[in-house]
Amino acid sequence: LISIPPPPANLDTLCSKLSLSTAKGRMACMDTCVVADCCTDGGGCSGDYYQNPDMCQRYSACTALYEPDDSSGTPDDDSMAGSAELVCVPDPPSHLEEICSVDNIATAGGHDHCVAVCE
């Protein structure tokens, strides 16, 4: 049986709206939550495979990764009208090959994590 490790004490901070508003913060949250992907992938952490599925409650902050982003609205004034949007593409994580490995993308949570890392 697989054991879900306890989350770090600062999980709420790592997965806060403020942290998720930056690429680095989003990656930190995702990297922390990946060990409990079964808690958020829709399949659940069945007792058939996981010895402590009750640990999912302690990873509830990870659900913020799947909430819609409210920052995509239009500006209230015309100050941005006609301006080009500056996009900063972060460096990929050093373990991208592991995140997007065949074994990892075979699970819903692993696939979602790979897609999110690559967006």
Foldseek 3Di string as FASTA:
>chain_A
DAEQDAADPCLLVLLPLVLCVDLNSLVSNLVRCLSVLQLPLPNADDVVHYVCSVSSVNSVSSCSNVDDDPPPDDDPDCPCPPPDDDDDDDDQDPVLCVLPPPVQCVGSSSVVSNVVSVD
